[in-house]
């Protein structure tokens, strides 16, 4: 399992102007598939993210880390990924190295 922390949100982010229906549904879909949590907790996390709050996503499945970080960075989040074991690093070897420790 992995932890993804949202450290902040970019001001005046050019790459993403507003939350549209597709971005919100894609975020919820990736959270449902990638985080070990109840549906109510997933909805609460999605609401917090759309409100641009600072939070940590715990118990993220290793296979879903890239997809979740991709949607978060697309929306302007500054993130840090913490891997809990060395096998998770192999899953991410083809991904761009950003904030992974």
Protein backbone atom coordinates (compact mmCIF):
# COMPACT_ATOMS: atom_id res chain seq x y z
CA UNK A 1 0.00 0.00 0.00
CA UNK A 2 1.07 3.56 -0.69
CA UNK A 3 0.23 6.99 0.70
CA UNK A 4 -0.38 10.03 -1.52
CA UNK A 5 -0.26 13.43 0.16
CA UNK A 6 -1.70 16.58 -1.39
CA UNK A 7 0.69 19.28 -0.19
CA UNK A 8 -0.93 22.21 -1.95
CA UNK A 9 -2.71 23.47 -5.04
CA UNK A 10 -1.14 25.48 -7.82
CA UNK A 11 -2.37 29.06 -8.13
CA UNK A 12 -3.56 30.16 -11.58
CA UNK A 13 -2.90 26.69 -13.00
CA UNK A 14 -3.01 26.96 -16.81
CA UNK A 15 -3.38 23.26 -17.60
CA UNK A 16 -6.77 22.90 -15.94
CA UNK A 17 -9.36 25.67 -15.74
CA UNK A 18 -12.37 24.14 -14.00
CA UNK A 19 -13.89 20.93 -12.72
CA UNK A 20 -16.10 19.50 -15.43
CA UNK A 21 -18.32 16.43 -15.19
CA UNK A 22 -15.74 14.16 -16.88
CA UNK A 23 -12.92 15.12 -14.51
CA UNK A 24 -15.10 14.57 -11.43
CA UNK A 25 -16.34 11.19 -12.62
CA UNK A 26 -12.82 10.10 -13.59
CA UNK A 27 -11.51 11.10 -10.16
CA UNK A 28 -14.25 9.14 -8.39
CA UNK A 29 -13.66 6.11 -10.63
CA UNK A 30 -9.91 6.08 -9.96
CA UNK A 31 -10.45 6.54 -6.22
CA UNK A 32 -12.99 3.67 -6.12
CA UNK A 33 -10.59 1.34 -7.93
CA UNK A 34 -7.45 2.46 -6.18
CA UNK A 35 -8.15 3.07 -2.50
CA UNK A 36 -9.09 0.58 0.17
CA UNK A 37 -12.03 2.48 1.71
CA UNK A 38 -15.81 2.42 1.95
CA UNK A 39 -17.94 4.08 -0.75
CA UNK A 40 -18.92 6.82 1.72
CA UNK A 41 -15.25 7.54 2.45
CA UNK A 42 -14.49 7.66 -1.30
CA UNK A 43 -17.29 10.22 -1.85
CA UNK A 44 -15.99 12.27 1.07
CA UNK A 45 -12.43 12.22 -0.31
CA UNK A 46 -13.66 13.21 -3.79
CA UNK A 47 -15.60 16.11 -2.27
CA UNK A 48 -12.53 17.27 -0.33
CA UNK A 49 -10.38 17.10 -3.46
CA UNK A 50 -12.90 19.05 -5.54
CA UNK A 51 -12.93 21.68 -2.76
CA UNK A 52 -9.11 21.79 -3.14
CA UNK A 53 -8.35 20.83 0.46
CA UNK A 54 -5.03 19.46 1.71
CA UNK A 55 -5.28 15.79 2.61
CA UNK A 56 -3.60 12.39 2.57
CA UNK A 57 -4.86 9.36 0.69
CA UNK A 58 -3.91 6.29 2.72
CA UNK A 59 -4.02 2.64 1.67
CA UNK A 60 -3.71 3.29 -2.06
CA UNK A 61 -3.21 0.09 -4.03
CA UNK A 62 0.20 0.04 -5.70
CA UNK A 63 -1.31 -0.65 -9.13
CA UNK A 64 -3.46 2.51 -8.89
CA UNK A 65 -0.82 5.01 -7.76
CA UNK A 66 0.06 6.20 -11.26
CA UNK A 67 -3.57 6.75 -12.30
CA UNK A 68 -4.49 8.66 -9.15
CA UNK A 69 -1.37 10.84 -9.20
CA UNK A 70 -1.99 11.56 -12.87
CA UNK A 71 -5.52 12.90 -12.29
CA UNK A 72 -4.41 14.87 -9.21
CA UNK A 73 -1.51 16.53 -11.06
CA UNK A 74 -3.82 17.30 -13.98
CA UNK A 75 -6.09 19.21 -11.62
CA UNK A 76 -3.20 21.24 -10.20
CA UNK A 77 -2.30 19.36 -7.01
CA UNK A 78 1.22 19.38 -5.60
CA UNK A 79 1.66 15.83 -4.34
CA UNK A 80 4.12 13.54 -2.58
CA UNK A 81 3.98 9.76 -2.87
CA UNK A 82 5.32 7.56 -0.05
CA UNK A 83 5.95 3.92 -0.93
CA UNK A 84 5.67 1.49 1.97
CA UNK A 85 7.69 -1.37 0.46
CA UNK A 86 10.23 -1.89 -2.28
CA UNK A 87 7.97 -3.95 -4.57
CA UNK A 88 5.82 -0.88 -5.22
CA UNK A 89 8.78 0.89 -6.84
CA UNK A 90 8.90 -1.78 -9.59
CA UNK A 91 5.31 -0.97 -10.58
CA UNK A 92 6.23 2.68 -11.00
CA UNK A 93 9.52 2.27 -12.87
CA UNK A 94 7.98 3.30 -16.21
CA UNK A 95 6.26 6.36 -14.72
CA UNK A 96 7.90 9.78 -14.55
CA UNK A 97 9.80 10.18 -11.29
CA UNK A 98 8.09 12.99 -9.39
CA UNK A 99 7.93 13.34 -5.63
CA UNK A 100 8.45 9.62 -4.97
CA UNK A 101 10.45 8.65 -1.93
